[in-house]
Structures are given as C-alpha cells and as structure tokens.
Protein backbone atom coordinates (compact mmCIF):
# COMPACT_ATOMS: atom_id res chain seq x y z
CA MET A 1 101.49 40.70 9.53
CA SER A 2 100.08 39.95 12.98
CA ASP A 3 99.38 43.68 13.56
CA GLY A 4 97.42 43.88 10.32
CA ALA A 5 95.47 40.73 11.18
CA ALA A 6 94.31 42.31 14.44
CA ARG A 7 92.90 45.38 12.74
CA PRO A 8 89.20 45.59 11.80
CA PRO A 9 88.20 45.64 8.14
CA ALA A 10 88.69 49.00 6.44
CA VAL A 11 84.98 49.25 5.55
CA GLN A 12 81.92 47.44 6.89
CA VAL A 13 78.46 48.27 5.55
CA PHE A 14 75.48 46.64 7.25
CA ASP A 15 72.06 46.57 5.51
CA VAL A 16 72.34 50.20 4.43
CA LYS A 17 69.34 51.85 2.81
CA LYS A 18 69.13 55.36 1.40
CA SER A 19 65.93 56.99 0.20
CA PHE A 20 65.19 60.40 -1.26
CA GLU A 21 61.98 62.32 -1.95
CA HIS A 22 60.31 61.17 1.28
CA GLY A 23 61.02 57.53 0.53
CA LEU A 24 59.77 57.55 -3.06
CA VAL A 25 63.27 57.09 -4.52
CA LYS A 26 65.29 54.20 -3.09
CA ALA A 27 68.93 54.81 -4.05
CA LEU A 28 70.24 51.98 -1.85
CA ASN A 29 68.11 49.04 -0.80
CA GLY A 30 69.88 46.91 1.79
CA VAL A 31 73.60 47.00 0.93
CA THR A 32 75.97 44.85 2.99
CA LEU A 33 79.67 44.96 2.18
CA THR A 34 83.09 44.35 3.75
CA ILE A 35 86.38 45.68 2.37
CA GLY A 36 89.64 44.48 3.89
CA GLN A 37 92.60 46.63 4.87
CA GLY A 38 94.70 47.46 1.80
CA GLU A 39 92.17 45.96 -0.61
CA TRP A 40 91.30 47.60 -3.93
CA VAL A 41 87.63 47.19 -4.80
CA ALA A 42 85.85 48.43 -7.94
CA LEU A 43 82.14 49.21 -7.76
CA VAL A 44 80.46 48.90 -11.15
CA GLY A 45 76.96 49.18 -12.55
CA PRO A 46 74.71 51.33 -14.74
CA SER A 47 74.00 54.99 -14.01
CA GLY A 48 71.56 55.39 -11.15
CA CYS A 49 72.30 52.02 -9.55
CA GLY A 50 73.54 53.55 -6.28
CA LYS A 51 77.33 53.47 -6.74
CA SER A 52 77.98 57.15 -6.11
CA THR A 53 75.39 57.28 -3.33
CA LEU A 54 77.26 54.55 -1.47
CA LEU A 55 80.56 56.39 -1.98
CA HIS A 56 79.06 59.60 -0.62
CA LEU A 57 77.80 57.78 2.46
CA LEU A 58 81.26 56.30 3.07
CA ALA A 59 82.72 59.80 2.78
CA ALA A 60 80.19 61.07 5.35
CA LEU A 61 78.89 63.53 2.75
CA ASP A 62 75.42 62.14 3.45
CA THR A 63 73.81 59.82 6.00
CA PRO A 64 71.97 56.53 5.43
CA THR A 65 68.24 56.30 5.96
CA SER A 66 68.92 53.10 7.91
CA GLY A 67 71.78 50.67 8.51
CA ARG A 68 75.33 51.15 9.79
CA ILE A 69 78.67 52.05 8.23
CA LEU A 70 81.93 51.33 10.03
CA VAL A 71 85.29 52.61 8.77
CA ASN A 72 88.32 51.14 10.52
CA GLY A 73 85.96 49.85 13.20
CA GLN A 74 84.27 53.20 13.91
CA ASP A 75 80.62 53.96 13.22
CA ILE A 76 80.97 57.11 11.13
CA SER A 77 77.47 58.33 12.01
CA SER A 78 78.57 58.75 15.63
CA LEU A 79 81.91 60.46 15.00
CA PRO A 80 82.19 63.71 16.98
CA ASN A 81 83.82 65.53 14.05
CA GLN A 82 82.89 64.34 10.59
CA ASN A 83 84.80 67.18 8.93
CA ARG A 84 87.95 65.85 10.54
CA TYR A 85 87.07 62.35 9.32
CA ARG A 86 86.69 63.62 5.75
CA ARG A 87 90.00 65.46 5.94
CA PHE A 88 92.19 62.87 7.60
CA GLU A 89 90.65 59.40 7.26
CA VAL A 90 89.53 59.39 3.63
CA GLY A 91 90.98 60.87 0.46
CA LEU A 92 88.40 61.86 -2.14
CA VAL A 93 89.05 61.79 -5.89
CA PHE A 94 86.33 62.83 -8.32
CA GLN A 95 85.93 62.75 -12.10
CA LEU A 96 85.86 66.56 -12.08
CA HIS A 97 88.92 67.23 -10.01
CA ASN A 98 87.55 70.24 -8.05
CA LEU A 99 90.99 71.84 -8.12
CA LEU A 100 91.33 75.55 -7.35
CA PRO A 101 92.17 77.12 -10.72
CA ASN A 102 93.89 80.22 -9.35
CA LEU A 103 96.35 78.25 -7.21
CA THR A 104 99.45 76.49 -8.49
CA ALA A 105 99.75 72.72 -8.35
CA ILE A 106 101.78 72.80 -5.14
CA GLN A 107 99.37 75.28 -3.54
CA ASN A 108 96.44 72.99 -4.39
CA VAL A 109 98.11 70.25 -2.36
CA GLU A 110 99.18 72.56 0.47
CA VAL A 111 95.68 74.01 0.92
CA ALA A 112 94.37 70.55 1.86
CA MET A 113 96.78 70.56 4.82
CA PHE A 114 95.63 73.79 6.45
CA GLY A 115 94.92 73.16 10.11
CA ASN A 116 96.63 69.76 10.26
CA GLY A 117 99.32 70.87 12.73
CA LEU A 118 102.22 71.03 10.29
CA SER A 119 104.19 74.24 9.84
CA HIS A 120 104.03 75.99 6.48
CA GLY A 121 107.51 74.68 5.71
CA GLU A 122 106.50 71.12 6.59
CA GLN A 123 103.38 71.42 4.45
CA GLY A 124 105.48 72.60 1.51
CA GLU A 125 107.94 69.76 1.96
CA ARG A 126 105.15 67.20 2.09
CA ALA A 127 103.42 68.72 -0.94
CA ARG A 128 106.65 68.56 -2.95
CA GLY A 129 107.07 64.91 -1.99
CA LEU A 130 103.53 64.10 -3.09
CA LEU A 131 103.97 65.90 -6.41
CA GLU A 132 107.13 63.89 -6.95
CA ALA A 133 105.21 60.70 -6.14
CA VAL A 134 102.70 61.49 -8.92
CA SER A 135 105.41 62.63 -11.38
CA LEU A 136 104.46 66.32 -11.26
CA SER A 137 107.57 67.83 -9.67
CA HIS A 138 108.31 69.73 -12.87
CA ARG A 139 104.78 71.17 -12.93
CA GLN A 140 104.45 72.38 -9.34
CA LYS A 141 104.25 76.09 -10.27
CA VAL A 142 101.64 75.51 -13.01
CA ARG A 143 97.97 76.26 -12.37
CA PRO A 144 95.33 73.61 -13.22
CA PRO A 145 94.18 75.24 -16.49
CA GLY A 146 97.72 74.75 -17.80
CA LEU A 147 97.77 71.02 -16.98
CA SER A 148 96.53 68.16 -19.15
CA GLY A 149 93.55 66.07 -18.04
CA GLY A 150 95.82 63.28 -16.84
CA GLU A 151 98.04 65.75 -14.95
CA ARG A 152 95.03 67.33 -13.26
CA GLN A 153 93.83 63.92 -12.11
CA ARG A 154 97.27 63.04 -10.77
CA LEU A 155 97.29 66.37 -8.95
CA ALA A 156 93.87 65.54 -7.46
CA ILE A 157 95.29 62.23 -6.23
CA ALA A 158 98.28 64.01 -4.65
CA ARG A 159 95.85 66.35 -2.89
CA ALA A 160 93.77 63.38 -1.70
CA LEU A 161 96.91 61.94 -0.08
CA ALA A 162 97.89 65.21 1.60
CA ASN A 163 96.78 64.16 5.09
CA ASN A 164 97.86 60.52 4.80
CA PRO A 165 94.39 58.93 4.62
CA SER A 166 93.89 55.22 5.13
CA ILE A 167 91.20 54.99 2.42
CA ILE A 168 90.86 56.52 -1.04
CA LEU A 169 87.32 56.92 -2.38
CA ALA A 170 87.42 57.58 -6.12
CA ASP A 171 84.28 58.38 -8.13
CA GLU A 172 84.83 57.80 -11.88
CA PRO A 173 88.44 59.09 -11.65
CA THR A 174 89.20 58.04 -15.24
CA GLY A 175 85.84 58.96 -16.77
CA ALA A 176 87.06 62.14 -18.48
CA LEU A 177 90.48 60.81 -19.53
CA ASP A 178 91.83 59.28 -22.72
CA SER A 179 92.96 55.65 -22.52
CA ALA A 180 96.66 56.44 -21.99
CA SER A 181 95.94 58.91 -19.18
CA ALA A 182 93.45 56.50 -17.60
CA GLU A 183 96.06 53.74 -17.61
CA GLY A 184 98.52 56.12 -15.95
CA VAL A 185 96.04 56.91 -13.18
CA LEU A 186 95.37 53.21 -12.55
CA ASP A 187 99.11 52.50 -12.42
CA LEU A 188 99.44 55.32 -9.91
CA PHE A 189 96.68 53.86 -7.73
CA GLN A 190 98.44 50.50 -7.84
CA ARG A 191 101.75 52.05 -6.79
CA ILE A 192 100.17 54.10 -4.00
CA ARG A 193 98.43 51.03 -2.66
CA ALA A 194 101.68 49.02 -2.74
CA GLU A 195 103.80 51.74 -1.14
CA ARG A 196 101.34 53.18 1.39
CA GLY A 197 98.99 50.28 2.10
CA VAL A 198 95.89 52.38 1.49
CA THR A 199 92.49 50.83 0.82
CA ILE A 200 90.87 51.92 -2.46
CA LEU A 201 87.19 51.93 -3.40
CA LEU A 202 86.77 53.02 -7.01
CA VAL A 203 83.42 53.66 -8.69
CA THR A 204 83.41 53.15 -12.45
CA HIS A 205 81.15 52.16 -15.33
CA ASP A 206 84.16 50.87 -17.30
CA ARG A 207 84.86 47.14 -16.96
CA GLU A 208 88.45 47.58 -18.20
CA VAL A 209 89.12 50.08 -15.42
CA ALA A 210 87.45 47.79 -12.87
CA ALA A 211 89.72 44.91 -13.94
CA ALA A 212 92.67 46.69 -12.29
CA ALA A 213 91.11 46.08 -8.86
CA ASP A 214 91.37 42.99 -6.64
CA ARG A 215 87.61 42.55 -6.57
CA ILE A 216 84.67 43.76 -8.66
CA ILE A 217 81.29 44.40 -7.08
CA GLN A 218 78.32 44.75 -9.42
CA MET A 219 75.38 46.93 -8.36
CA ARG A 220 71.93 47.22 -9.84
CA ASP A 221 68.82 48.98 -8.56
CA GLY A 222 70.41 49.89 -5.24
CA ARG A 223 71.59 46.38 -4.46
CA ILE A 224 74.78 44.34 -4.77
CA VAL A 225 73.99 41.63 -7.29
CA GLU A 226 77.41 40.08 -7.80
CA THR A 227 80.91 40.13 -6.31
CA ALA A 228 83.93 38.38 -7.76
CA ALA A 229 87.71 38.49 -7.81
CA SER A 230 89.09 40.41 -10.77
CA ALA A 231 90.54 38.24 -13.51
CA PRO A 232 94.36 38.52 -13.61
CA ALA A 233 95.77 40.61 -16.45
CA GLY A 234 97.08 38.77 -19.51
C-alpha cells in the first residue's frame, strides 16, 4: 500500500469556472474537488447544474474558463498530446454508447486500440479478454443493432477499458436502461474497480444509481453544494 500512498490523487479540481456565450452562461462557478486513487464517486444534480460540463473538462473535451484540473498529478491543460490522454488515461462511457453499428462487438473494441503499439493479434486477444470480462464472449461477432441495451452498454465499457485507462468517466451510463440492466452495469463497474483498481466518476440524476458509489457529490447551479459518503446497502 505504500506505493499507492505515494501517488497523487486521481483527480484534483481547483476553483474551476466554465462560461459560455461570452460569459453570460456560467456552467461551472468555482468547483473544487479531489478524488482519490481507486475511488468511485457519483456526481448528482438536476439537469443543467454542470455535471456533464465538469465531466467533459476532465476528459479534455473542453477547457475551463479559469482554474486548474490535475489528473494523476498532471495539469491536463498543459499536456502535449490531449488526444493521447483521452485514449490512454481515461475511458469514456456515455448514455448513448457511440458504438460503430457496422462493426461487430469485437471490432468495436479493437478499433479503440489502433495505434497503441499492439499487433493486430495482440489487439484481438485483448479484445476477447475484455468481452469475456463483461460477459459478452458469446456475442463477439454480433453488431450493436443486434445487442440489447444492457449488452451495448457493457460493450461500451469493454471499449472504454481497451487501452487500460486509470480513470473511467461515465455520463449517465444507466440512463437508457431498464432496472435489471442498470443493476448489471453497476455490478460490472464494481467488479472492474475491484479487479483493476480504476477510479470511477459517474454522472447520474438517479439517487439509487449514485448509492452504488463510495461518495455522492451534489451539484446545483454550477457549484458543489454537498458531499457525503454513500450509505451502505441494506
């Protein structure tokens, strides 16, 4: 555990503000946040409170108007290659899975590994292992339109893990799923976190989904208004 103790927090956000429309719309208004290595945090709040904006900033899909964001001790605004950061440091999971409909399940995972230095055979082997990890080995030749909603989300999670990221950023990953499929996705996140030690930041409007996390952070009007440990199940 001494090695882990010496590592910086997975995420550090310092007084981050984000405005749109020449400053007329303040999506984030001074957010400060720390997420530890291997922690699972749920970000909750009403639509328009800034949850997804914060997630997009952490994914380097946008830049803050002011403030600093550090991921694993690095200021992501000063990274020389943010595309590489998005591919290898973070795994992104969205409510709408953004899978490629004309590719099979295994090809959807393999395509995320293009350019990562592995041979085609190694990419295939890794993709098969990830599909097995999300219980989709028997569906690897099926294209996304032939998969159920829960299967498509599990495939999206396998793809997010393709390059062994240290952090998973998930934006409403259960929002389009029925309760049984949503529970399966949350169980999968729990298992991935336990087996791989990844840090998870999950955005949701559903308090039951948020309860699966270690900590719940409530946002409103671009600010963090409350943070608390999740109540244990049962």
